Amino acid sequence: MSYNLLKGKKGIIFGALDEKSIAWKTAIRCYEEGASLVLTNAPVALRMGEINKLAASVQAPVIGADVTNMDDLKKLLEESIKHFGSKIDFILHSVGMSLNVRKGKEYTGLDYHFNQKTLDISAMSLHRVLQTAWDLDALNEWGSVVALTYIAAQRVFPDYSEMADAKALLESVARSFGYHYGMRKKVRINTVSQSPTRTTAGSGVKGFDGFMAYADKMSPLGNASGEDCAAYCAVLFSDMTRMVTMQNLFHDGGFSLTGVTEAIINQMEK
């Protein structure tokens, strides 16, 4: 069901790779809520993924951009403004990559060259996007930026490895830039800490299936789906949440505040 929450609004969606992506689902939901969109991803992801299929369904252009390249980001924002004929109302940052995790390196044995790339791509890319938008005055007043994160920024999940550090930095960037952008343009910046979700990237984490089952049993409402997260992001992009900023918002069925559940106790006592 559509509520026209984003009627007339214009936004950029970073990170839609395939139909499993939360960014993909968010693009669809935002389009259903009345938004006009631009889709973007890294050039290599554009070759690997199916973004053109999504672009056709949401009637959006695809503009490639390396999130570590300021020239690419400037071009993306300038071309988006030209396409829309106006400034931008919202941005979804759904970007993350860890070479150490891909290469199977343990947290106690990181390759620091890989680590630098992880932090740059997965966290400082948000700062780059926001700084570029700031310099170009690309966001409308009362605009909204959402970045996807995970509770490993606050708690230890051993197999999440260096991505936990990246998510902690990502959340810090959202808070710090949220202050400055709020003061300047009333733009709000938040992070959404989503349940473990079976995306292409998430499924590559060691022990993912077991942990997903555990999180589902530890959450009073169960794990939040990618579609649920997309709907939540759409609300955060809407005028219904104009006074929410600098927050890390848990969208996890209650997992983040649950100590233990009967299902887990019963399983442990078997």
C-alpha atoms as a PDB file:
ATOM      1  CA  MET A   1       0.000   0.000   0.000  1.00  0.00           C
ATOM      2  CA  SER A   2       1.275   3.463  -0.917  1.00  0.00           C
ATOM      3  CA  TYR A   3       0.693   6.565   1.204  1.00  0.00           C
ATOM      4  CA  ASN A   4       2.281   9.130  -1.166  1.00  0.00           C
ATOM      5  CA  LEU A   5       4.771   9.977   1.579  1.00  0.00           C
ATOM      6  CA  LEU A   6       7.375  11.117  -0.937  1.00  0.00           C
ATOM      7  CA  LYS A   7       5.193  12.742  -3.577  1.00  0.00           C
ATOM      8  CA  GLY A   8       7.250  15.352  -5.412  1.00  0.00           C
ATOM      9  CA  LYS A   9      10.508  14.472  -3.625  1.00  0.00           C
ATOM     10  CA  LYS A  10      13.754  13.659  -5.422  1.00  0.00           C
ATOM     11  CA  GLY A  11      16.441  11.336  -4.141  1.00  0.00           C
ATOM     12  CA  ILE A  12      19.634   9.424  -4.865  1.00  0.00           C
ATOM     13  CA  ILE A  13      19.960   5.749  -3.957  1.00  0.00           C
ATOM     14  CA  PHE A  14      23.506   4.419  -3.471  1.00  0.00           C
ATOM     15  CA  GLY A  15      24.279   0.722  -3.554  1.00  0.00           C
ATOM     16  CA  ALA A  16      21.512  -1.193  -5.325  1.00  0.00           C
ATOM     17  CA  LEU A  17      23.260  -4.315  -6.656  1.00  0.00           C
ATOM     18  CA  ASP A  18      20.492  -6.882  -7.128  1.00  0.00           C
ATOM     19  CA  GLU A  19      17.009  -7.736  -5.900  1.00  0.00           C
ATOM     20  CA  LYS A  20      18.382  -8.867  -2.516  1.00  0.00           C
ATOM     21  CA  SER A  21      19.820  -5.416  -1.790  1.00  0.00           C
ATOM     22  CA  ILE A  22      18.113  -3.225   0.783  1.00  0.00           C
ATOM     23  CA  ALA A  23      18.972  -0.301  -1.494  1.00  0.00           C
ATOM     24  CA  TRP A  24      17.088  -2.024  -4.333  1.00  0.00           C
ATOM     25  CA  LYS A  25      14.027  -2.550  -2.135  1.00  0.00           C
ATOM     26  CA  THR A  26      14.245   1.031  -0.864  1.00  0.00           C
ATOM     27  CA  ALA A  27      14.326   2.407  -4.386  1.00  0.00           C
ATOM     28  CA  ILE A  28      11.165   0.486  -5.231  1.00  0.00           C
ATOM     29  CA  ARG A  29       9.394   1.648  -2.071  1.00  0.00           C
ATOM     30  CA  CYS A  30      10.406   5.286  -2.558  1.00  0.00           C
ATOM     31  CA  TYR A  31       9.172   5.157  -6.146  1.00  0.00           C
ATOM     32  CA  GLU A  32       5.868   3.666  -4.966  1.00  0.00           C
ATOM     33  CA  GLU A  33       5.602   6.531  -2.456  1.00  0.00           C
ATOM     34  CA  GLY A  34       5.876   9.079  -5.261  1.00  0.00           C
ATOM     35  CA  ALA A  35       9.602   9.913  -5.375  1.00  0.00           C
ATOM     36  CA  SER A  36      11.737  10.564  -8.449  1.00  0.00           C
ATOM     37  CA  LEU A  37      15.098   8.809  -8.276  1.00  0.00           C
ATOM     38  CA  VAL A  38      18.658   8.594  -9.505  1.00  0.00           C
ATOM     39  CA  LEU A  39      20.459   5.281  -8.979  1.00  0.00           C
ATOM     40  CA  THR A  40      24.202   5.017  -8.475  1.00  0.00           C
ATOM     41  CA  ASN A  41      26.866   2.440  -7.705  1.00  0.00           C
ATOM     42  CA  ALA A  42      30.547   1.857  -8.328  1.00  0.00           C
ATOM     43  CA  PRO A  43      31.472   1.105 -11.956  1.00  0.00           C
ATOM     44  CA  VAL A  44      32.466  -2.484 -11.094  1.00  0.00           C
ATOM     45  CA  ALA A  45      29.148  -3.032  -9.310  1.00  0.00           C
ATOM     46  CA  LEU A  46      27.275  -1.685 -12.312  1.00  0.00           C
ATOM     47  CA  ARG A  47      28.930  -4.373 -14.429  1.00  0.00           C
ATOM     48  CA  MET A  48      28.305  -7.161 -11.907  1.00  0.00           C
ATOM     49  CA  GLY A  49      24.771  -6.268 -10.849  1.00  0.00           C
ATOM     50  CA  GLU A  50      21.355  -5.895 -12.432  1.00  0.00           C
ATOM     51  CA  ILE A  51      20.763  -2.214 -11.766  1.00  0.00           C
ATOM     52  CA  ASN A  52      19.456  -1.477 -15.255  1.00  0.00           C
ATOM     53  CA  LYS A  53      16.504  -3.754 -14.504  1.00  0.00           C
ATOM     54  CA  LEU A  54      15.734  -1.690 -11.415  1.00  0.00           C
ATOM     55  CA  ALA A  55      16.236   1.556 -13.320  1.00  0.00           C
ATOM     56  CA  ALA A  56      13.575   0.554 -15.831  1.00  0.00           C
ATOM     57  CA  SER A  57      11.075  -0.348 -13.110  1.00  0.00           C
ATOM     58  CA  VAL A  58      11.503   2.943 -11.199  1.00  0.00           C
ATOM     59  CA  GLN A  59      12.087   5.112 -14.291  1.00  0.00           C
ATOM     60  CA  ALA A  60      15.441   6.365 -13.033  1.00  0.00           C
ATOM     61  CA  PRO A  61      18.764   7.087 -14.723  1.00  0.00           C
ATOM     62  CA  VAL A  62      21.874   5.251 -13.577  1.00  0.00           C
ATOM     63  CA  ILE A  63      24.954   7.385 -12.911  1.00  0.00           C
ATOM     64  CA  GLY A  64      28.087   5.501 -11.945  1.00  0.00           C
ATOM     65  CA  ALA A  65      30.272   6.892  -9.167  1.00  0.00           C
ATOM     66  CA  ASP A  66      33.224   5.654  -7.126  1.00  0.00           C
ATOM     67  CA  VAL A  67      32.408   6.779  -3.562  1.00  0.00           C
ATOM     68  CA  THR A  68      36.103   7.314  -2.827  1.00  0.00           C
ATOM     69  CA  ASN A  69      36.483   9.734  -5.740  1.00  0.00           C
ATOM     70  CA  MET A  70      35.432  13.334  -5.093  1.00  0.00           C
ATOM     71  CA  ASP A  71      35.279  14.152  -8.807  1.00  0.00           C
ATOM     72  CA  ASP A  72      32.883  11.244  -9.374  1.00  0.00           C
ATOM     73  CA  LEU A  73      30.658  12.383  -6.516  1.00  0.00           C
ATOM     74  CA  LYS A  74      30.631  15.957  -7.753  1.00  0.00           C
ATOM     75  CA  LYS A  75      29.626  14.778 -11.218  1.00  0.00           C
ATOM     76  CA  LEU A  76      26.922  12.527  -9.723  1.00  0.00           C
ATOM     77  CA  LEU A  77      25.345  15.351  -7.749  1.00  0.00           C
ATOM     78  CA  GLU A  78      25.601  17.875 -10.549  1.00  0.00           C
ATOM     79  CA  GLU A  79      24.050  15.485 -13.074  1.00  0.00           C
ATOM     80  CA  SER A  80      21.326  14.525 -10.592  1.00  0.00           C
ATOM     81  CA  ILE A  81      20.383  18.169 -10.036  1.00  0.00           C
ATOM     82  CA  LYS A  82      20.333  18.687 -13.805  1.00  0.00           C
ATOM     83  CA  HIS A  83      18.143  15.602 -14.255  1.00  0.00           C
ATOM     84  CA  PHE A  84      15.685  16.642 -11.539  1.00  0.00           C
ATOM     85  CA  GLY A  85      15.742  20.319 -12.448  1.00  0.00           C
ATOM     86  CA  SER A  86      16.111  21.105  -8.766  1.00  0.00           C
ATOM     87  CA  LYS A  87      18.078  20.263  -5.634  1.00  0.00           C
ATOM     88  CA  ILE A  88      17.852  16.878  -3.919  1.00  0.00           C
ATOM     89  CA  ASP A  89      15.552  15.940  -1.028  1.00  0.00           C
ATOM     90  CA  PHE A  90      17.043  12.665   0.187  1.00  0.00           C
ATOM     91  CA  ILE A  91      19.967  10.269  -0.100  1.00  0.00           C
ATOM     92  CA  LEU A  92      20.317   6.611   0.880  1.00  0.00           C
ATOM     93  CA  HIS A  93      23.890   5.499   1.646  1.00  0.00           C
ATOM     94  CA  SER A  94      23.976   1.707   1.380  1.00  0.00           C
ATOM     95  CA  VAL A  95      27.672   1.124   0.808  1.00  0.00           C
ATOM     96  CA  GLY A  96      30.020  -1.369   2.440  1.00  0.00           C
ATOM     97  CA  MET A  97      32.961  -3.571   1.504  1.00  0.00           C
ATOM     98  CA  SER A  98      35.684  -5.376   3.448  1.00  0.00           C
ATOM     99  CA  LEU A  99      38.652  -6.873   1.633  1.00  0.00           C
ATOM    100  CA  ASN A 100      39.880  -8.473   4.872  1.00  0.00           C
ATOM    101  CA  VAL A 101      36.591 -10.332   5.268  1.00  0.00           C
ATOM    102  CA  ARG A 102      36.622 -11.319   1.612  1.00  0.00           C
ATOM    103  CA  LYS A 103      40.144 -12.679   1.959  1.00  0.00           C
ATOM    104  CA  GLY A 104      39.259 -14.574   5.142  1.00  0.00           C
ATOM    105  CA  LYS A 105      41.610 -12.609   7.378  1.00  0.00           C
ATOM    106  CA  GLU A 106      40.828 -12.681  11.108  1.00  0.00           C
ATOM    107  CA  TYR A 107      40.368  -9.451  13.067  1.00  0.00           C
ATOM    108  CA  THR A 108      43.626 -10.160  14.925  1.00  0.00           C
ATOM    109  CA  GLY A 109      45.534 -10.389  11.657  1.00  0.00           C
ATOM    110  CA  LEU A 110      44.290  -7.564   9.461  1.00  0.00           C
ATOM    111  CA  ASP A 111      46.023  -6.373   6.350  1.00  0.00           C
ATOM    112  CA  TYR A 112      46.148  -2.630   7.082  1.00  0.00           C
ATOM    113  CA  HIS A 113      46.184  -1.640   3.429  1.00  0.00           C
ATOM    114  CA  PHE A 114      42.911  -3.534   3.038  1.00  0.00           C
ATOM    115  CA  ASN A 115      41.675  -1.983   6.283  1.00  0.00           C
ATOM    116  CA  GLN A 116      42.239   1.526   4.997  1.00  0.00           C
ATOM    117  CA  LYS A 117      40.173   0.717   1.912  1.00  0.00           C
ATOM    118  CA  THR A 118      37.412  -0.755   4.079  1.00  0.00           C
ATOM    119  CA  LEU A 119      37.147   2.390   6.200  1.00  0.00           C
ATOM    120  CA  ASP A 120      37.320   4.638   3.156  1.00  0.00           C
ATOM    121  CA  ILE A 121      34.630   2.784   1.204  1.00  0.00           C
ATOM    122  CA  SER A 122      32.328   1.769   4.051  1.00  0.00           C
ATOM    123  CA  ALA A 123      32.472   4.838   6.316  1.00  0.00           C
ATOM    124  CA  MET A 124      34.351   7.869   5.036  1.00  0.00           C
ATOM    125  CA  SER A 125      32.391   7.601   1.808  1.00  0.00           C
ATOM    126  CA  LEU A 126      29.440   9.012   3.744  1.00  0.00           C
ATOM    127  CA  HIS A 127      31.554  12.010   4.722  1.00  0.00           C
ATOM    128  CA  ARG A 128      32.637  12.427   1.090  1.00  0.00           C
ATOM    129  CA  VAL A 129      29.035  12.359  -0.130  1.00  0.00           C
ATOM    130  CA  LEU A 130      27.927  14.852   2.521  1.00  0.00           C
ATOM    131  CA  GLN A 131      30.898  17.165   2.009  1.00  0.00           C
ATOM    132  CA  THR A 132      30.297  17.197  -1.742  1.00  0.00           C
ATOM    133  CA  ALA A 133      26.609  17.950  -1.218  1.00  0.00           C
ATOM    134  CA  TRP A 134      27.582  20.675   1.287  1.00  0.00           C
ATOM    135  CA  ASP A 135      30.021  22.318  -1.129  1.00  0.00           C
ATOM    136  CA  LEU A 136      27.500  22.241  -3.983  1.00  0.00           C
ATOM    137  CA  ASP A 137      24.547  23.191  -1.737  1.00  0.00           C
ATOM    138  CA  ALA A 138      22.863  20.193  -3.349  1.00  0.00           C
ATOM    139  CA  LEU A 139      20.318  19.304  -0.632  1.00  0.00           C
ATOM    140  CA  ASN A 140      17.078  21.139  -0.066  1.00  0.00           C
ATOM    141  CA  GLU A 141      16.187  22.476   3.377  1.00  0.00           C
ATOM    142  CA  TRP A 142      14.638  19.741   5.532  1.00  0.00           C
ATOM    143  CA  GLY A 143      16.308  17.134   3.366  1.00  0.00           C
ATOM    144  CA  SER A 144      17.113  13.697   4.769  1.00  0.00           C
ATOM    145  CA  VAL A 145      20.118  11.375   4.549  1.00  0.00           C
ATOM    146  CA  VAL A 146      20.040   7.778   5.794  1.00  0.00           C
ATOM    147  CA  ALA A 147      23.014   5.407   6.016  1.00  0.00           C
ATOM    148  CA  LEU A 148      22.623   1.695   6.724  1.00  0.00           C
ATOM    149  CA  THR A 149      24.592   0.285   9.654  1.00  0.00           C
ATOM    150  CA  TYR A 150      24.631  -2.714  12.006  1.00  0.00           C
ATOM    151  CA  ILE A 151      24.656  -3.364  15.757  1.00  0.00           C
ATOM    152  CA  ALA A 152      28.228  -4.702  15.516  1.00  0.00           C
ATOM    153  CA  ALA A 153      29.184  -1.034  15.885  1.00  0.00           C
ATOM    154  CA  GLN A 154      28.161  -1.376  19.552  1.00  0.00           C
ATOM    155  CA  ARG A 155      28.552  -5.099  20.298  1.00  0.00           C
ATOM    156  CA  VAL A 156      31.131  -7.726  19.413  1.00  0.00           C
ATOM    157  CA  PHE A 157      30.274 -10.133  16.589  1.00  0.00           C
ATOM    158  CA  PRO A 158      33.636 -11.834  15.889  1.00  0.00           C
ATOM    159  CA  ASP A 159      33.005 -12.807  12.283  1.00  0.00           C
ATOM    160  CA  TYR A 160      31.898  -9.268  11.363  1.00  0.00           C
ATOM    161  CA  SER A 161      35.547  -8.324  11.878  1.00  0.00           C
ATOM    162  CA  GLU A 162      36.736  -4.894  10.702  1.00  0.00           C
ATOM    163  CA  MET A 163      33.303  -3.966   9.361  1.00  0.00           C
ATOM    164  CA  ALA A 164      32.317  -3.339  12.985  1.00  0.00           C
ATOM    165  CA  ASP A 165      34.937  -0.578  13.159  1.00  0.00           C
ATOM    166  CA  ALA A 166      33.718   0.815   9.843  1.00  0.00           C
ATOM    167  CA  LYS A 167      30.110   0.939  11.031  1.00  0.00           C
ATOM    168  CA  ALA A 168      31.152   2.683  14.269  1.00  0.00           C
ATOM    169  CA  LEU A 169      32.944   5.327  12.202  1.00  0.00           C
ATOM    170  CA  LEU A 170      29.966   5.602   9.849  1.00  0.00           C
ATOM    171  CA  GLU A 171      27.644   6.335  12.778  1.00  0.00           C
ATOM    172  CA  SER A 172      30.059   8.955  14.107  1.00  0.00           C
ATOM    173  CA  VAL A 173      30.166  10.713  10.731  1.00  0.00           C
ATOM    174  CA  ALA A 174      26.358  10.797  10.659  1.00  0.00           C
ATOM    175  CA  ARG A 175      26.221  12.412  14.097  1.00  0.00           C
ATOM    176  CA  SER A 176      28.962  14.963  13.445  1.00  0.00           C
ATOM    177  CA  PHE A 177      27.804  15.996   9.977  1.00  0.00           C
ATOM    178  CA  GLY A 178      24.231  15.869  11.229  1.00  0.00           C
ATOM    179  CA  TYR A 179      25.017  18.705  13.621  1.00  0.00           C
ATOM    180  CA  HIS A 180      26.571  20.923  10.952  1.00  0.00           C
ATOM    181  CA  TYR A 181      23.964  20.200   8.276  1.00  0.00           C
ATOM    182  CA  GLY A 182      21.139  20.681  10.761  1.00  0.00           C
ATOM    183  CA  MET A 183      22.459  24.080  11.767  1.00  0.00           C
ATOM    184  CA  ARG A 184      23.003  25.158   8.176  1.00  0.00           C
ATOM    185  CA  LYS A 185      20.060  23.759   6.214  1.00  0.00           C
ATOM    186  CA  LYS A 186      17.820  21.811   8.633  1.00  0.00           C
ATOM    187  CA  VAL A 187      18.992  18.656   6.839  1.00  0.00           C
ATOM    188  CA  ARG A 188      18.752  15.588   9.057  1.00  0.00           C
ATOM    189  CA  ILE A 189      21.200  12.695   8.963  1.00  0.00           C
ATOM    190  CA  ASN A 190      20.517   9.324  10.595  1.00  0.00           C
ATOM    191  CA  THR A 191      21.733   5.747  10.523  1.00  0.00           C
ATOM    192  CA  VAL A 192      19.465   2.709  10.499  1.00  0.00           C
ATOM    193  CA  SER A 193      20.761  -0.384  12.283  1.00  0.00           C
ATOM    194  CA  GLN A 194      19.021  -3.206  10.461  1.00  0.00           C
ATOM    195  CA  SER A 195      18.491  -6.863  11.401  1.00  0.00           C
ATOM    196  CA  PRO A 196      20.803  -9.347   9.680  1.00  0.00           C
ATOM    197  CA  THR A 197      19.426  -9.493   6.150  1.00  0.00           C
ATOM    198  CA  ARG A 198      20.108 -12.024   3.427  1.00  0.00           C
ATOM    199  CA  THR A 199      21.733  -9.656   0.947  1.00  0.00           C
ATOM    200  CA  THR A 200      24.521 -10.684  -1.423  1.00  0.00           C
ATOM    201  CA  ALA A 201      27.105  -8.993   0.815  1.00  0.00           C
ATOM    202  CA  GLY A 202      25.603 -10.135   4.126  1.00  0.00           C
ATOM    203  CA  SER A 203      25.400 -13.771   3.103  1.00  0.00           C
ATOM    204  CA  GLY A 204      29.172 -13.766   2.590  1.00  0.00           C
ATOM    205  CA  VAL A 205      29.870 -13.316   6.313  1.00  0.00           C
ATOM    206  CA  LYS A 206      31.049 -16.511   8.019  1.00  0.00           C
ATOM    207  CA  GLY A 207      28.292 -18.225  10.028  1.00  0.00           C
ATOM    208  CA  PHE A 208      25.604 -15.942   8.610  1.00  0.00           C
ATOM    209  CA  ASP A 209      22.799 -18.501   8.460  1.00  0.00           C
ATOM    210  CA  GLY A 210      23.310 -19.585  12.061  1.00  0.00           C
ATOM    211  CA  PHE A 211      23.446 -16.045  13.310  1.00  0.00           C
ATOM    212  CA  MET A 212      20.360 -15.032  11.357  1.00  0.00           C
ATOM    213  CA  ALA A 213      18.417 -17.860  13.013  1.00  0.00           C
ATOM    214  CA  TYR A 214      19.766 -16.808  16.429  1.00  0.00           C
ATOM    215  CA  ALA A 215      18.814 -13.146  15.889  1.00  0.00           C
ATOM    216  CA  ASP A 216      15.317 -14.187  14.854  1.00  0.00           C
ATOM    217  CA  LYS A 217      14.886 -16.102  18.132  1.00  0.00           C
ATOM    218  CA  MET A 218      16.341 -13.176  20.102  1.00  0.00           C
ATOM    219  CA  SER A 219      13.955 -10.609  18.606  1.00  0.00           C
ATOM    220  CA  PRO A 220      10.435 -10.330  20.060  1.00  0.00           C
ATOM    221  CA  LEU A 221       9.103  -9.365  16.635  1.00  0.00           C
ATOM    222  CA  GLY A 222      11.528 -11.557  14.692  1.00  0.00           C
ATOM    223  CA  ASN A 223      14.075 -10.261  12.190  1.00  0.00           C
ATOM    224  CA  ALA A 224      13.056  -7.200  10.199  1.00  0.00           C
ATOM    225  CA  SER A 225      12.969  -7.921   6.471  1.00  0.00           C
ATOM    226  CA  GLY A 226      14.599  -5.885   3.748  1.00  0.00           C
ATOM    227  CA  GLU A 227      11.146  -4.715   2.660  1.00  0.00           C
ATOM    228  CA  ASP A 228      10.409  -3.544   6.211  1.00  0.00           C
ATOM    229  CA  CYS A 229      13.691  -1.613   6.241  1.00  0.00           C
ATOM    230  CA  ALA A 230      12.839  -0.003   2.909  1.00  0.00           C
ATOM    231  CA  ALA A 231       9.515   1.207   4.317  1.00  0.00           C
ATOM    232  CA  TYR A 232      11.269   2.617   7.392  1.00  0.00           C
ATOM    233  CA  CYS A 233      13.751   4.492   5.206  1.00  0.00           C
ATOM    234  CA  ALA A 234      10.888   5.940   3.181  1.00  0.00           C
ATOM    235  CA  VAL A 235       9.353   7.303   6.394  1.00  0.00           C
ATOM    236  CA  LEU A 236      12.708   8.832   7.369  1.00  0.00           C
ATOM    237  CA  PHE A 237      12.889  10.531   3.979  1.00  0.00           C
ATOM    238  CA  SER A 238       9.393  11.929   4.411  1.00  0.00           C
ATOM    239  CA  ASP A 239       8.171  15.072   6.156  1.00  0.00           C
ATOM    240  CA  MET A 240       6.760  12.857   8.920  1.00  0.00           C
ATOM    241  CA  THR A 241      10.212  12.716  10.553  1.00  0.00           C
ATOM    242  CA  ARG A 242      11.390  16.297  10.157  1.00  0.00           C
ATOM    243  CA  MET A 243      12.745  16.551  13.720  1.00  0.00           C
ATOM    244  CA  VAL A 244      14.671  13.267  13.806  1.00  0.00           C
ATOM    245  CA  THR A 245      18.402  13.690  13.263  1.00  0.00           C
ATOM    246  CA  MET A 246      21.824  12.466  14.436  1.00  0.00           C
ATOM    247  CA  GLN A 247      20.219   9.215  15.619  1.00  0.00           C
ATOM    248  CA  ASN A 248      21.231   5.592  15.272  1.00  0.00           C
ATOM    249  CA  LEU A 249      17.824   3.977  14.843  1.00  0.00           C
ATOM    250  CA  PHE A 250      17.527   0.255  15.545  1.00  0.00           C
ATOM    251  CA  HIS A 251      15.250  -1.501  13.084  1.00  0.00           C
ATOM    252  CA  ASP A 252      15.691  -5.032  14.355  1.00  0.00           C
ATOM    253  CA  GLY A 253      12.497  -6.423  15.841  1.00  0.00           C
ATOM    254  CA  GLY A 254      13.668  -5.591  19.350  1.00  0.00           C
ATOM    255  CA  PHE A 255      16.964  -7.510  19.199  1.00  0.00           C
ATOM    256  CA  SER A 256      19.033  -4.549  20.412  1.00  0.00           C
ATOM    257  CA  LEU A 257      17.209  -4.284  23.755  1.00  0.00           C
ATOM    258  CA  THR A 258      16.525  -7.936  24.470  1.00  0.00           C
ATOM    259  CA  GLY A 259      18.717  -9.721  27.018  1.00  0.00           C
ATOM    260  CA  VAL A 260      17.390 -13.222  26.374  1.00  0.00           C
ATOM    261  CA  THR A 261      14.206 -14.889  25.153  1.00  0.00           C
ATOM    262  CA  GLU A 262      12.398 -18.035  26.219  1.00  0.00           C
ATOM    263  CA  ALA A 263      13.214 -19.595  22.846  1.00  0.00           C
ATOM    264  CA  ILE A 264      16.951 -19.191  23.476  1.00  0.00           C
ATOM    265  CA  ILE A 265      16.694 -20.450  27.077  1.00  0.00           C
ATOM    266  CA  ASN A 266      14.717 -23.501  25.984  1.00  0.00           C
ATOM    267  CA  GLN A 267      17.261 -24.244  23.283  1.00  0.00           C
ATOM    268  CA  MET A 268      20.166 -23.965  25.750  1.00  0.00           C
ATOM    269  CA  GLU A 269      18.473 -26.276  28.260  1.00  0.00           C
ATOM    270  CA  LYS A 270      17.874 -29.074  25.790  1.00  0.00           C
END
